[in-house]
Structure formats: C-alpha cells, structure tokens
N, C-alpha and C. Protein backbone atom coordinates (compact mmCIF):
# COMPACT_ATOMS: atom_id res chain seq x y z
N MET A 1 76.96 127.90 66.94
CA MET A 1 76.08 127.93 68.09
C MET A 1 76.75 127.39 69.35
N ASP A 2 77.87 126.72 69.21
CA ASP A 2 78.58 126.22 70.39
C ASP A 2 79.06 127.37 71.27
N TYR A 3 79.43 128.48 70.63
CA TYR A 3 79.92 129.61 71.42
C TYR A 3 78.81 130.20 72.28
N VAL A 4 77.57 130.15 71.84
CA VAL A 4 76.46 130.64 72.65
C VAL A 4 76.28 129.74 73.88
N ALA A 5 76.34 128.44 73.66
CA ALA A 5 76.20 127.50 74.77
C ALA A 5 77.35 127.64 75.76
N ALA A 6 78.52 128.01 75.27
CA ALA A 6 79.67 128.18 76.15
C ALA A 6 79.59 129.49 76.93
N LEU A 7 78.93 130.51 76.38
CA LEU A 7 78.87 131.80 77.05
C LEU A 7 77.69 131.96 78.00
N VAL A 8 76.65 131.17 77.84
CA VAL A 8 75.45 131.35 78.66
C VAL A 8 75.72 131.12 80.15
N PRO A 9 76.36 130.02 80.58
CA PRO A 9 76.56 129.84 82.03
C PRO A 9 77.35 130.96 82.70
N PRO A 10 78.48 131.43 82.14
CA PRO A 10 79.18 132.52 82.81
C PRO A 10 78.37 133.82 82.86
N VAL A 11 77.61 134.09 81.83
CA VAL A 11 76.79 135.30 81.81
C VAL A 11 75.70 135.20 82.87
N VAL A 12 75.06 134.05 82.99
CA VAL A 12 74.02 133.85 84.00
C VAL A 12 74.61 134.00 85.40
N MET A 13 75.79 133.41 85.63
CA MET A 13 76.43 133.52 86.94
C MET A 13 76.81 134.97 87.23
N ALA A 14 77.29 135.69 86.23
CA ALA A 14 77.66 137.09 86.44
C ALA A 14 76.43 137.93 86.80
N VAL A 15 75.33 137.71 86.13
CA VAL A 15 74.10 138.45 86.43
C VAL A 15 73.62 138.11 87.84
N ALA A 16 73.67 136.83 88.21
CA ALA A 16 73.24 136.44 89.55
C ALA A 16 74.15 137.06 90.62
N PHE A 17 75.45 137.10 90.36
CA PHE A 17 76.39 137.68 91.31
C PHE A 17 76.14 139.18 91.48
N ILE A 18 75.91 139.87 90.38
CA ILE A 18 75.63 141.30 90.43
C ILE A 18 74.33 141.55 91.20
N ALA A 19 73.31 140.72 90.97
CA ALA A 19 72.05 140.87 91.69
C ALA A 19 72.26 140.65 93.19
N LEU A 20 73.10 139.68 93.55
CA LEU A 20 73.39 139.43 94.96
C LEU A 20 74.08 140.62 95.60
N ILE A 21 75.06 141.19 94.92
CA ILE A 21 75.79 142.34 95.45
C ILE A 21 74.85 143.53 95.61
N VAL A 22 74.00 143.77 94.62
CA VAL A 22 73.05 144.89 94.70
C VAL A 22 72.10 144.70 95.87
N THR A 23 71.63 143.48 96.08
CA THR A 23 70.73 143.20 97.20
C THR A 23 71.42 143.44 98.53
N ILE A 24 72.68 143.00 98.64
CA ILE A 24 73.42 143.20 99.89
C ILE A 24 73.62 144.69 100.16
N VAL A 25 74.00 145.44 99.13
CA VAL A 25 74.24 146.87 99.30
C VAL A 25 72.95 147.59 99.68
N LYS A 26 71.85 147.23 99.04
CA LYS A 26 70.57 147.91 99.33
C LYS A 26 70.07 147.59 100.73
N SER A 27 70.41 146.40 101.26
CA SER A 27 69.91 146.03 102.58
C SER A 27 70.74 146.63 103.71
N GLN A 28 71.84 147.28 103.39
CA GLN A 28 72.65 147.92 104.42
C GLN A 28 72.00 149.24 104.81
N GLY A 29 71.94 149.49 106.10
CA GLY A 29 71.35 150.74 106.56
C GLY A 29 69.84 150.70 106.50
N GLY A 30 69.24 151.85 106.51
CA GLY A 30 67.80 151.95 106.43
C GLY A 30 67.12 151.57 107.74
N PRO A 31 65.84 151.26 107.68
CA PRO A 31 65.09 150.98 108.90
C PRO A 31 65.53 149.71 109.62
N ASN A 32 66.14 148.76 108.91
CA ASN A 32 66.57 147.51 109.54
C ASN A 32 67.90 147.64 110.25
N LYS A 33 68.62 148.73 110.03
CA LYS A 33 69.96 148.86 110.58
C LYS A 33 69.95 148.81 112.11
N ALA A 34 69.06 149.50 112.75
CA ALA A 34 69.01 149.52 114.21
C ALA A 34 68.70 148.14 114.76
N LYS A 35 67.78 147.43 114.11
CA LYS A 35 67.42 146.09 114.57
C LYS A 35 68.60 145.14 114.41
N GLU A 36 69.31 145.22 113.27
CA GLU A 36 70.47 144.36 113.05
C GLU A 36 71.58 144.70 114.04
N ASP A 37 71.81 145.98 114.27
CA ASP A 37 72.84 146.38 115.22
C ASP A 37 72.52 145.90 116.62
N ALA A 38 71.26 145.96 117.00
CA ALA A 38 70.85 145.51 118.33
C ALA A 38 71.07 144.00 118.46
N ALA A 39 70.78 143.25 117.41
CA ALA A 39 70.98 141.79 117.46
C ALA A 39 72.47 141.46 117.59
N VAL A 40 73.31 142.17 116.87
CA VAL A 40 74.75 141.95 116.96
C VAL A 40 75.27 142.34 118.34
N ASP A 41 74.81 143.46 118.86
CA ASP A 41 75.23 143.89 120.19
C ASP A 41 74.82 142.87 121.26
N ALA A 42 73.62 142.32 121.13
CA ALA A 42 73.16 141.32 122.10
C ALA A 42 74.00 140.06 122.02
N ALA A 43 74.33 139.63 120.81
CA ALA A 43 75.17 138.44 120.64
C ALA A 43 76.56 138.68 121.21
N MET A 44 77.10 139.86 120.99
CA MET A 44 78.43 140.18 121.52
C MET A 44 78.39 140.21 123.05
N ALA A 45 77.33 140.75 123.64
CA ALA A 45 77.21 140.80 125.10
C ALA A 45 77.09 139.40 125.68
N ARG A 46 76.32 138.53 125.00
CA ARG A 46 76.20 137.15 125.48
C ARG A 46 77.54 136.43 125.43
N SER A 47 78.29 136.61 124.33
CA SER A 47 79.57 135.93 124.23
C SER A 47 80.57 136.50 125.23
N ALA A 48 80.54 137.80 125.50
CA ALA A 48 81.46 138.41 126.46
C ALA A 48 81.12 137.95 127.87
N SER A 49 79.85 137.83 128.21
CA SER A 49 79.48 137.40 129.56
C SER A 49 79.80 135.92 129.74
N GLY A 50 79.71 135.13 128.68
CA GLY A 50 80.07 133.72 128.75
C GLY A 50 81.55 133.53 129.00
N GLU A 51 82.38 134.36 128.42
CA GLU A 51 83.82 134.26 128.62
C GLU A 51 84.19 134.67 130.04
N GLN A 52 83.50 135.66 130.60
CA GLN A 52 83.84 136.14 131.94
C GLN A 52 83.42 135.13 133.01
N SER A 53 82.31 134.43 132.80
CA SER A 53 81.82 133.50 133.82
C SER A 53 82.61 132.19 133.81
N SER A 54 83.33 131.91 132.76
CA SER A 54 84.05 130.63 132.66
C SER A 54 85.24 130.58 133.57
C-alpha cells in the first residue's frame, strides 16, 4: 500500500495541471477575446503615453 500513497500526489498534481491547461485553452478566443484585447490595447496605450511624456 505504500506505492499507492507514493503515487497519489503526483497523479493529483497531473490531473490539476491538465485541468488548468484545458481551462486556459478554452478561455482563449470566444466572446471574451475582444474585451481582453481591448484591455491589453488600453494598457499598452497608457504605458506608451507615459514613456513619451517623461
């Protein structure tokens, strides 16, 4: 039974990692893509204007 106790943590971590990757991949694109792109564009514009005014 020691081998079961030794294998459980890596298996749990692997499942959690796979779930994280699937969630990230599914959240790319779709209806939120335009909103996320707009937020990134706004942040880039703010940082660019801050560099020019300095």
